[in-house]
């Protein structure tokens, strides 16, 4: 006898429908799974067998064949356990229901029949279209809030295989899980840190505000304890407000990667990812035997913070150049090619030398010129060219540390950033690929970043004296445009260009 049950699987950050076919034949007992299953799917036969028996159902002493269609896409994960078990029970006549194509089933089974949470519930729920005949989604209780956020079809949390069978035979046994996405979004969009916590560093705060307003990458250079990490952790709090669409996209990535906390239905704040410098290529950019999103994708719509930048392997840093330009990562395997979004803002920090105190008036630097040069040369020129703003973060003076006055709150700074971004969205309303000044290409800067003759002469002098590249020229124009947007003016003025040049002045002092 044959039974068909609908399920779903993820491919990249999106999902597709999987038809689980269960066939029972009068042959020697066997359990065969076909349809390009990975190790976790092949092991499901042990979980499904034990769960059926321990749930007081009968597992057939016959040949059981499970087919996962479409059969030409590799299946991974444990979400097929529940539909497999239901398919076997239906094929053996232990479930009275005739049709199963109006519900989608997801869930991992424990040996006693309980249903455990799975990865990717949100994109799987978003893949379902109510108009195609599907009336509901059966998920583990751990995934109910996440799946209900999609708002596509009613979501029914099932605690066990018994509960799933009881619901399929009598739909009144479980109530649909309801959630108000707007309410969840408003409650979850609170940050636990604030810019007002930072004492001093007014020039660094100004540079970070400009970076946030234009989506510019930034590098901070300063001695240990100067507050670089503290500033970076507060960067998401001044970025433009996250929209519901961006929140859903971010949550999908975290769900697929298995990084979504059990009590979190929606990622409503800008992500902040801070990987250790020992991270591998697959961990940072994405990949693996079964490809998963890396840190650059987990930071999508937020901040990727690389502390102690020279300590990262040079080849790994060079791999950042492509996602920084394209805002996406493509991972190719023999069986498939996946593309993950990587629209992050890079914030990096480093010491000016191996000991950390080069140029610090309070400490003596013990590094030789050769050691400093080798240390700084770990960061390549092409990578630095893709970082728009370079700033120095000096040690905080005792007078500033002991002061009672609090700095400007993140909400106040964010208001100015939001205003600047609204100007940019209006400017680029006919440019669908551009949402902030940092995304402009060279041809765009010529049209949107016009400067007068005096500003042009100043910029030419700076490029000649500092030996800046053509890419640096474009970066200065972009930052100038952002500074003008923060001041709510249409024309780029000479002062805006001068300030933007200042944010490249470290090139000559440290990198050469």
Protein backbone atom coordinates (compact mmCIF):
# COMPACT_ATOMS: atom_id res chain seq x y z
CA UNK A 1 0.00 0.00 0.00
CA UNK A 2 1.18 3.53 -0.78
CA UNK A 3 0.72 6.78 1.16
CA UNK A 4 1.87 10.33 0.37
CA UNK A 5 2.55 13.02 2.98
CA UNK A 6 3.71 16.59 2.34
CA UNK A 7 6.80 18.01 4.04
CA UNK A 8 9.37 20.69 3.28
CA UNK A 9 13.12 21.29 3.15
CA UNK A 10 15.48 24.23 2.79
CA UNK A 11 17.75 25.01 -0.13
CA UNK A 12 19.96 27.93 0.77
CA UNK A 13 17.75 30.32 2.74
CA UNK A 14 14.59 29.39 0.86
CA UNK A 15 12.45 26.26 1.04
CA UNK A 16 10.70 23.86 -1.32
CA UNK A 17 7.98 21.25 -0.92
CA UNK A 18 8.97 17.62 -0.44
CA UNK A 19 6.55 14.76 -1.05
CA UNK A 20 7.25 11.86 1.31
CA UNK A 21 6.04 8.61 -0.25
CA UNK A 22 5.76 5.51 1.92
CA UNK A 23 5.32 2.14 0.23
CA UNK A 24 4.77 -1.19 2.05
CA UNK A 25 5.48 -4.46 0.21
CA UNK A 26 5.03 -8.12 1.21
CA UNK A 27 8.75 -8.86 1.20
CA UNK A 28 11.49 -9.55 3.73
CA UNK A 29 11.64 -6.82 6.40
CA UNK A 30 13.72 -3.83 5.30
CA UNK A 31 13.68 -0.03 5.58
CA UNK A 32 15.00 1.81 2.54
CA UNK A 33 15.12 5.59 2.07
CA UNK A 34 15.72 7.01 -1.41
CA UNK A 35 15.74 10.54 -2.84
CA UNK A 36 19.33 11.63 -2.11
CA UNK A 37 19.14 11.44 1.71
CA UNK A 38 22.13 12.55 3.78
CA UNK A 39 23.35 10.77 6.91
CA UNK A 40 20.78 12.35 9.24
CA UNK A 41 17.93 11.35 6.92
CA UNK A 42 19.22 7.79 6.52
CA UNK A 43 19.47 7.44 10.30
CA UNK A 44 15.81 8.42 10.61
CA UNK A 45 14.78 4.79 10.07
CA UNK A 46 15.99 3.96 13.58
CA UNK A 47 14.18 6.91 15.14
CA UNK A 48 10.98 6.31 13.15
CA UNK A 49 10.91 2.60 13.94
CA UNK A 50 11.38 3.13 17.68
CA UNK A 51 8.92 6.06 17.79
CA UNK A 52 6.15 4.06 16.08
CA UNK A 53 6.59 1.10 18.42
CA UNK A 54 6.87 3.23 21.59
CA UNK A 55 3.75 5.19 20.60
CA UNK A 56 1.65 1.98 20.74
CA UNK A 57 1.44 1.60 16.97
CA UNK A 58 2.56 -1.41 14.94
CA UNK A 59 5.65 -1.22 12.77
CA UNK A 60 5.20 -3.54 9.76
CA UNK A 61 7.43 -6.59 9.41
CA UNK A 62 7.62 -5.96 5.68
CA UNK A 63 9.70 -4.01 3.19
CA UNK A 64 9.27 -0.27 3.81
CA UNK A 65 10.41 2.09 1.07
CA UNK A 66 10.48 5.85 1.63
CA UNK A 67 10.94 8.15 -1.34
CA UNK A 68 11.66 11.87 -0.90
CA UNK A 69 10.58 13.72 -4.02
CA UNK A 70 11.96 15.58 -5.89
CA UNK A 71 14.63 12.89 -5.89
CA UNK A 72 17.33 14.96 -7.62
CA UNK A 73 17.89 17.40 -4.71
CA UNK A 74 19.96 16.29 -1.73
CA UNK A 75 17.91 16.13 1.48
CA UNK A 76 19.45 16.86 4.87
CA UNK A 77 18.27 17.20 8.44
CA UNK A 78 15.79 15.42 10.65
CA UNK A 79 12.56 17.24 9.73
CA UNK A 80 11.31 14.26 7.68
CA UNK A 81 10.93 11.95 10.72
CA UNK A 82 7.31 12.91 11.46
CA UNK A 83 6.00 12.73 7.86
CA UNK A 84 7.82 9.40 7.39
CA UNK A 85 6.16 7.92 10.46
CA UNK A 86 2.73 9.25 9.48
CA UNK A 87 3.22 7.89 5.95
CA UNK A 88 4.06 4.42 7.27
CA UNK A 89 1.04 4.42 9.60
CA UNK A 90 -1.20 5.56 6.75
CA UNK A 91 0.19 2.94 4.35
CA UNK A 92 -0.49 0.20 6.91
CA UNK A 93 -4.05 1.42 7.57
CA UNK A 94 -3.44 2.57 11.15
CA UNK A 95 -4.68 6.08 10.34
CA UNK A 96 -8.25 6.48 9.15
CA UNK A 97 -7.62 9.64 7.11
CA UNK A 98 -7.70 9.15 3.34
CA UNK A 99 -5.79 12.28 2.18
CA UNK A 100 -2.73 14.05 3.61
CA UNK A 101 -2.01 16.63 0.92
CA UNK A 102 -3.80 19.44 2.76
CA UNK A 103 -1.31 19.51 5.67
CA UNK A 104 2.48 19.89 5.72
CA UNK A 105 4.34 17.98 8.44
CA UNK A 106 7.72 18.82 9.98
CA UNK A 107 9.49 17.40 12.99
CA UNK A 108 12.23 15.21 14.40
CA UNK A 109 11.12 12.19 16.42
CA UNK A 110 12.69 11.01 19.64
CA UNK A 111 12.71 7.29 20.37
CA UNK A 112 9.65 7.61 22.62
CA UNK A 113 7.63 9.42 19.94
CA UNK A 114 8.04 13.03 21.13
CA UNK A 115 8.47 15.67 18.43
CA UNK A 116 11.59 17.81 18.62
CA UNK A 117 12.42 21.13 16.99
CA UNK A 118 14.08 21.44 13.58
CA UNK A 119 16.05 24.06 11.67
CA UNK A 120 14.50 26.24 9.00
CA UNK A 121 10.89 26.28 10.20
CA UNK A 122 10.33 29.90 9.13
CA UNK A 123 11.43 29.58 5.49
CA UNK A 124 9.52 26.29 5.27
CA UNK A 125 6.38 28.01 6.56
CA UNK A 126 6.89 30.93 4.19
CA UNK A 127 7.12 28.46 1.29
CA UNK A 128 3.54 27.32 1.87
CA UNK A 129 0.84 29.07 -0.12
CA UNK A 130 -2.65 28.73 1.32
CA UNK A 131 -4.25 28.91 -2.12
CA UNK A 132 -2.67 25.65 -3.34
CA UNK A 133 -4.88 23.47 -1.15
CA UNK A 134 -2.71 23.33 2.00
CA UNK A 135 -4.80 24.16 5.06
CA UNK A 136 -2.24 23.88 7.82
CA UNK A 137 1.26 23.13 9.06
CA UNK A 138 2.10 20.62 11.80
CA UNK A 139 5.33 21.54 13.60
CA UNK A 140 7.12 20.81 16.90
CA UNK A 141 6.08 23.09 19.78
CA UNK A 142 9.60 24.61 19.77
CA UNK A 143 9.01 25.89 16.23
CA UNK A 144 5.37 26.99 16.58
CA UNK A 145 6.03 30.71 17.23
CA UNK A 146 8.67 30.90 14.51
CA UNK A 147 6.46 29.20 11.90
CA UNK A 148 3.40 31.27 12.87
CA UNK A 149 5.37 34.45 12.12
CA UNK A 150 5.12 33.58 8.40
CA UNK A 151 1.33 34.05 8.52
CA UNK A 152 0.74 31.82 5.48
CA UNK A 153 -1.43 29.03 6.94
CA UNK A 154 -2.57 27.98 10.43
CA UNK A 155 0.23 26.39 12.48
CA UNK A 156 -0.55 23.46 14.78
CA UNK A 157 2.04 22.45 17.40
CA UNK A 158 2.18 18.67 17.96
CA UNK A 159 4.05 17.35 20.99
CA UNK A 160 4.21 13.71 19.89
CA UNK A 161 3.47 11.27 17.11
CA UNK A 162 0.27 10.34 18.93
CA UNK A 163 -0.85 13.97 18.93
CA UNK A 164 -0.15 14.25 15.19
CA UNK A 165 -2.20 11.13 14.42
CA UNK A 166 -5.04 12.29 16.68
CA UNK A 167 -5.12 15.68 14.94
CA UNK A 168 -5.11 14.15 11.46
CA UNK A 169 -8.09 11.99 12.44
CA UNK A 170 -9.90 14.77 14.31
CA UNK A 171 -8.71 18.31 13.65
CA UNK A 172 -10.45 19.68 16.74
CA UNK A 173 -7.86 18.17 19.10
CA UNK A 174 -5.27 20.97 18.67
CA UNK A 175 -5.85 24.71 18.37
CA UNK A 176 -3.85 26.74 15.86
CA UNK A 177 -0.98 28.75 17.30
CA UNK A 178 -1.70 32.43 16.73
CA UNK A 179 0.78 35.27 16.90
CA UNK A 180 0.68 38.98 16.11
CA UNK A 181 3.83 39.73 14.12
CA UNK A 182 3.54 43.49 14.70
CA UNK A 183 3.32 43.00 18.46
CA UNK A 184 6.27 40.59 18.50
CA UNK A 185 8.27 42.95 16.31
CA UNK A 186 7.69 45.94 18.60
CA UNK A 187 8.52 43.97 21.76
CA UNK A 188 11.70 42.41 20.37
CA UNK A 189 13.31 45.50 18.83
CA UNK A 190 14.97 46.67 22.04
CA UNK A 191 18.76 46.77 22.44
CA UNK A 192 20.51 45.96 25.70
CA UNK A 193 23.39 48.42 25.13
CA UNK A 194 23.46 52.12 24.28
CA UNK A 195 25.94 54.66 22.95
CA UNK A 196 25.44 56.76 26.06
CA UNK A 197 27.46 54.14 27.96
CA UNK A 198 30.65 55.19 26.13
CA UNK A 199 32.74 57.86 27.87
CA UNK A 200 34.65 60.25 25.62
CA UNK A 201 35.66 59.22 22.08
CA UNK A 202 33.52 61.91 20.48
CA UNK A 203 35.46 61.84 17.20
CA UNK A 204 35.08 58.06 16.97
CA UNK A 205 31.34 58.37 17.66
CA UNK A 206 31.06 60.92 14.88
CA UNK A 207 32.82 58.57 12.45
CA UNK A 208 30.57 55.67 13.45
CA UNK A 209 27.49 57.84 12.92
CA UNK A 210 28.68 58.69 9.41
CA UNK A 211 29.37 55.00 8.74
CA UNK A 212 25.88 54.06 9.92
CA UNK A 213 24.23 56.81 7.89
CA UNK A 214 25.83 55.72 4.62
CA UNK A 215 26.37 51.99 5.22
CA UNK A 216 30.15 52.47 5.08
CA UNK A 217 32.70 49.93 6.29
CA UNK A 218 35.00 51.24 9.03
CA UNK A 219 38.24 50.28 10.74
CA UNK A 220 39.29 51.52 14.20
CA UNK A 221 42.96 51.60 15.20
CA UNK A 222 44.02 52.22 18.76
CA UNK A 223 45.74 50.85 21.88
CA UNK A 224 44.20 48.17 24.11
CA UNK A 225 41.44 49.46 26.38
CA UNK A 226 40.59 52.49 24.28
CA UNK A 227 36.99 51.31 23.78
CA UNK A 228 37.08 49.95 20.23
CA UNK A 229 35.06 46.81 21.06
CA UNK A 230 32.64 48.79 23.22
CA UNK A 231 31.98 51.19 20.35
CA UNK A 232 31.57 48.36 17.84
CA UNK A 233 29.02 46.50 20.00
CA UNK A 234 26.86 49.60 20.04
CA UNK A 235 27.01 50.12 16.29
CA UNK A 236 23.76 48.19 15.58
CA UNK A 237 21.89 50.50 17.97
CA UNK A 238 22.41 53.52 15.69
CA UNK A 239 21.77 51.78 12.38
CA UNK A 240 18.44 52.56 10.67
CA UNK A 241 15.37 50.87 12.14
CA UNK A 242 14.96 47.30 10.93
CA UNK A 243 11.86 46.80 8.79
CA UNK A 244 9.62 43.74 9.15
CA UNK A 245 10.79 42.53 5.74
CA UNK A 246 14.44 42.76 6.82
CA UNK A 247 13.58 41.07 10.11
CA UNK A 248 11.98 38.13 8.29
CA UNK A 249 14.97 37.81 5.96
CA UNK A 250 17.38 37.87 8.89
CA UNK A 251 15.32 35.36 10.86
CA UNK A 252 15.27 32.99 7.87
CA UNK A 253 19.06 32.94 7.74
CA UNK A 254 19.42 32.33 11.48
CA UNK A 255 16.74 29.64 11.35
CA UNK A 256 18.42 27.77 8.48
CA UNK A 257 21.77 27.97 10.29
CA UNK A 258 20.23 26.65 13.53
CA UNK A 259 21.22 29.84 15.39
CA UNK A 260 17.72 31.00 16.29
CA UNK A 261 17.14 30.74 20.09
CA UNK A 262 14.22 28.55 21.12
CA UNK A 263 12.40 31.49 22.76
CA UNK A 264 12.89 33.81 19.77
CA UNK A 265 10.26 34.00 17.04
CA UNK A 266 11.71 36.96 15.16
CA UNK A 267 15.10 38.67 14.97
CA UNK A 268 13.92 42.25 15.31
CA UNK A 269 17.26 43.98 16.00
CA UNK A 270 20.26 44.44 13.74
CA UNK A 271 22.53 41.38 14.01
CA UNK A 272 25.96 41.77 15.55
CA UNK A 273 28.40 38.96 14.77
CA UNK A 274 31.88 38.89 16.25
CA UNK A 275 33.76 35.73 15.17
CA UNK A 276 37.08 34.78 16.78
CA UNK A 277 40.20 35.19 14.69
CA UNK A 278 40.68 31.39 14.60
CA UNK A 279 37.52 30.95 12.51
CA UNK A 280 37.74 28.79 9.39
CA UNK A 281 36.81 29.76 5.84
CA UNK A 282 33.54 27.79 6.02
CA UNK A 283 32.71 29.35 9.37
CA UNK A 284 33.22 32.90 8.10
CA UNK A 285 31.99 32.78 4.50
CA UNK A 286 29.82 29.66 4.63
CA UNK A 287 30.11 26.14 3.27
CA UNK A 288 30.78 22.69 4.68
CA UNK A 289 29.84 19.22 3.45
CA UNK A 290 26.23 20.26 3.88
CA UNK A 291 26.48 24.00 3.07
CA UNK A 292 25.33 26.36 5.79
CA UNK A 293 25.43 30.16 6.10
CA UNK A 294 28.63 31.62 7.53
CA UNK A 295 29.16 34.63 9.76
CA UNK A 296 28.98 37.03 6.80
CA UNK A 297 25.42 35.83 6.12
CA UNK A 298 24.42 35.73 9.78
CA UNK A 299 25.46 39.40 9.88
CA UNK A 300 23.18 40.23 6.94
CA UNK A 301 21.31 43.52 7.59
CA UNK A 302 23.64 44.12 10.52
CA UNK A 303 27.27 44.35 11.61
CA UNK A 304 30.18 41.95 11.15
CA UNK A 305 32.82 42.89 13.73
CA UNK A 306 36.36 41.59 13.27
CA UNK A 307 38.42 42.35 16.35
CA UNK A 308 42.23 42.07 16.24
CA UNK A 309 42.05 42.15 12.46
CA UNK A 310 45.72 41.23 11.74
CA UNK A 311 45.32 38.03 13.77
CA UNK A 312 42.93 36.59 11.17
CA UNK A 313 44.54 34.44 8.51
CA UNK A 314 45.39 36.55 5.49
CA UNK A 315 43.69 34.23 2.99
CA UNK A 316 40.46 34.34 5.01
CA UNK A 317 40.50 38.14 5.06
CA UNK A 318 41.03 38.23 1.31
CA UNK A 319 37.94 36.07 0.86
CA UNK A 320 35.89 38.90 2.38
CA UNK A 321 36.53 41.11 -0.63
CA UNK A 322 33.92 39.42 -2.84
CA UNK A 323 30.97 39.49 -0.36
CA UNK A 324 31.86 43.07 0.58
CA UNK A 325 31.41 44.06 -3.06
CA UNK A 326 28.54 41.76 -4.12
CA UNK A 327 26.63 41.55 -0.80
CA UNK A 328 26.09 37.84 -1.33
CA UNK A 329 28.04 34.58 -1.13
CA UNK A 330 27.81 31.79 -3.68
CA UNK A 331 28.83 28.29 -2.58
CA UNK A 332 29.29 25.71 -5.32
CA UNK A 333 29.18 21.97 -4.77
CA UNK A 334 29.04 19.06 -7.20
CA UNK A 335 25.31 18.59 -6.58
CA UNK A 336 24.14 22.18 -6.17
CA UNK A 337 25.03 25.87 -6.06
CA UNK A 338 23.66 27.96 -3.20
CA UNK A 339 23.60 31.72 -2.76
CA UNK A 340 23.34 33.31 0.67
CA UNK A 341 22.78 37.05 1.29
CA UNK A 342 25.71 38.91 2.86
CA UNK A 343 24.61 42.52 3.11
CA UNK A 344 26.67 43.28 6.20
CA UNK A 345 28.50 46.38 7.35
CA UNK A 346 32.10 45.60 8.28
CA UNK A 347 33.41 47.10 11.50
CA UNK A 348 36.97 46.09 12.31
CA UNK A 349 39.44 46.94 15.05
CA UNK A 350 43.15 46.48 15.57
CA UNK A 351 46.15 47.69 17.52
CA UNK A 352 48.69 49.93 15.75
CA UNK A 353 51.55 47.51 16.47
CA UNK A 354 52.20 44.08 18.07
CA UNK A 355 52.48 45.50 21.59
CA UNK A 356 49.55 47.83 20.95
CA UNK A 357 51.06 51.11 22.13
CA UNK A 358 52.62 52.68 19.05
CA UNK A 359 51.76 56.39 19.15
CA UNK A 360 50.24 56.21 22.65
CA UNK A 361 51.51 59.04 24.88
CA UNK A 362 50.82 57.05 28.06
CA UNK A 363 52.80 53.91 27.21
CA UNK A 364 56.12 53.21 25.59
CA UNK A 365 56.06 51.14 22.40
CA UNK A 366 58.72 48.42 22.42
CA UNK A 367 58.24 47.28 18.84
CA UNK A 368 60.87 47.79 16.17
CA UNK A 369 60.07 49.47 12.87
CA UNK A 370 60.32 46.12 11.10
CA UNK A 371 57.90 44.47 13.54
CA UNK A 372 55.38 47.28 13.07
CA UNK A 373 55.68 47.07 9.31
CA UNK A 374 55.20 43.29 9.26
CA UNK A 375 52.23 43.60 11.59
CA UNK A 376 50.49 46.24 9.49
CA UNK A 377 51.27 44.46 6.22
CA UNK A 378 49.00 41.58 7.27
CA UNK A 379 46.12 43.76 6.03
CA UNK A 380 46.31 43.97 2.24
CA UNK A 381 45.84 47.17 0.26
CA UNK A 382 42.87 45.85 -1.76
CA UNK A 383 41.02 44.99 1.46
CA UNK A 384 41.77 48.39 3.00
CA UNK A 385 40.56 50.09 -0.17
CA UNK A 386 37.14 48.52 0.45
CA UNK A 387 36.97 50.08 3.93
CA UNK A 388 35.65 53.62 3.53
CA UNK A 389 36.52 55.08 6.94
CA UNK A 390 39.81 54.66 8.84
CA UNK A 391 39.93 56.25 12.29
CA UNK A 392 42.26 56.41 15.24
CA UNK A 393 40.79 55.62 18.67
CA UNK A 394 43.18 56.97 21.35
CA UNK A 395 43.15 56.06 25.03
CA UNK A 396 40.42 57.70 27.07
CA UNK A 397 41.63 60.36 29.49
CA UNK A 398 40.89 59.97 33.20
CA UNK A 399 38.90 63.21 33.22
CA UNK A 400 36.49 61.77 30.66
CA UNK A 401 36.27 58.39 32.42
CA UNK A 402 35.43 59.94 35.79
CA UNK A 403 32.87 62.40 34.44
CA UNK A 404 29.26 61.85 35.51
CA UNK A 405 27.75 63.19 32.30
CA UNK A 406 26.33 60.57 29.96
CA UNK A 407 26.86 60.72 26.25
CA UNK A 408 24.22 61.06 23.56
CA UNK A 409 21.74 58.19 23.48
CA UNK A 410 21.56 55.78 20.57
CA UNK A 411 17.95 56.70 19.85
CA UNK A 412 18.92 60.33 19.24
CA UNK A 413 21.76 59.38 16.91
CA UNK A 414 19.52 56.88 15.13
CA UNK A 415 17.01 59.64 14.35
CA UNK A 416 19.68 61.53 12.42
CA UNK A 417 20.79 58.33 10.69
CA UNK A 418 17.20 57.54 9.70
CA UNK A 419 16.78 61.03 8.26
CA UNK A 420 19.96 60.66 6.20
CA UNK A 421 18.88 57.23 4.95
CA UNK A 422 15.50 58.59 3.89
CA UNK A 423 17.31 61.16 1.75
CA UNK A 424 19.31 58.35 0.16
CA UNK A 425 16.25 56.19 -0.49
CA UNK A 426 14.60 59.14 -2.24
CA UNK A 427 17.76 59.79 -4.24
CA UNK A 428 18.09 56.18 -5.35
CA UNK A 429 14.41 55.44 -5.87
CA UNK A 430 15.13 54.61 -9.51
CA UNK A 431 18.20 52.53 -8.64
CA UNK A 432 16.88 49.22 -7.22
CA UNK A 433 20.39 47.91 -6.47
CA UNK A 434 21.34 50.90 -4.29
CA UNK A 435 19.88 51.57 -0.86
CA UNK A 436 22.73 53.60 0.70
CA UNK A 437 25.62 55.76 -0.42
CA UNK A 438 28.15 52.99 0.16
CA UNK A 439 26.51 50.86 -2.55
CA UNK A 440 27.21 53.38 -5.32
CA UNK A 441 29.47 52.29 -8.17
CA UNK A 442 32.00 54.58 -9.85
CA UNK A 443 29.50 55.63 -12.52
CA UNK A 444 27.00 56.55 -9.79
CA UNK A 445 29.42 58.79 -7.90
CA UNK A 446 29.89 60.92 -11.00
CA UNK A 447 26.17 61.69 -11.04
CA UNK A 448 25.32 61.84 -7.34
CA UNK A 449 28.56 63.17 -5.81
CA UNK A 450 29.35 66.32 -7.76
CA UNK A 451 31.72 68.77 -6.04
CA UNK A 452 32.85 72.32 -6.87
CA UNK A 453 36.27 73.32 -8.18
CA UNK A 454 37.73 74.20 -4.76
CA UNK A 455 36.70 70.83 -3.33
CA UNK A 456 38.09 69.13 -6.43
CA UNK A 457 41.46 70.86 -5.94
CA UNK A 458 41.55 69.85 -2.28
CA UNK A 459 40.78 66.25 -3.17
CA UNK A 460 43.44 66.21 -5.90
CA UNK A 461 46.04 67.50 -3.44
CA UNK A 462 45.10 64.86 -0.87
CA UNK A 463 45.32 62.05 -3.40
CA UNK A 464 48.73 63.26 -4.58
CA UNK A 465 50.17 63.63 -1.06
CA UNK A 466 48.75 60.40 0.34
CA UNK A 467 49.11 58.27 -2.77
CA UNK A 468 45.49 57.15 -2.68
CA UNK A 469 44.01 54.79 -5.28
CA UNK A 470 41.14 55.42 -7.69
CA UNK A 471 38.91 53.34 -5.43
CA UNK A 472 39.85 55.57 -2.48
CA UNK A 473 38.83 58.60 -4.56
CA UNK A 474 35.35 57.13 -4.99
CA UNK A 475 35.17 56.23 -1.31
CA UNK A 476 35.97 59.80 -0.27
CA UNK A 477 33.20 61.10 -2.52
CA UNK A 478 30.72 58.61 -1.06
CA UNK A 479 31.59 59.57 2.52
CA UNK A 480 31.34 63.27 1.57
CA UNK A 481 27.85 62.60 0.19
CA UNK A 482 26.87 60.92 3.49
CA UNK A 483 28.18 63.81 5.58
CA UNK A 484 26.10 66.20 3.47
CA UNK A 485 23.05 63.96 3.97
CA UNK A 486 23.55 64.02 7.74
CA UNK A 487 23.56 67.82 7.58
CA UNK A 488 20.41 67.65 5.43
CA UNK A 489 21.89 69.60 2.52
CA UNK A 490 21.73 68.83 -1.18
CA UNK A 491 25.17 70.03 -2.29
CA UNK A 492 28.47 68.55 -1.13
CA UNK A 493 30.54 71.35 0.38
CA UNK A 494 34.26 71.75 0.86
CA UNK A 495 34.00 71.01 4.58
CA UNK A 496 32.31 67.69 3.85
CA UNK A 497 35.14 66.71 1.49
CA UNK A 498 37.78 67.78 4.03
CA UNK A 499 36.21 65.63 6.74
CA UNK A 500 35.97 62.65 4.38
CA UNK A 501 39.66 63.04 3.48
CA UNK A 502 40.48 63.05 7.19
CA UNK A 503 38.99 59.57 7.45
CA UNK A 504 41.63 58.32 4.99
CA UNK A 505 44.58 60.12 6.60
CA UNK A 506 45.68 57.03 8.53
CA UNK A 507 46.78 55.51 5.22
CA UNK A 508 49.99 57.52 5.25
CA UNK A 509 50.68 57.38 8.97
CA UNK A 510 50.30 53.65 9.55
CA UNK A 511 49.84 51.55 6.45
CA UNK A 512 52.95 52.67 4.57
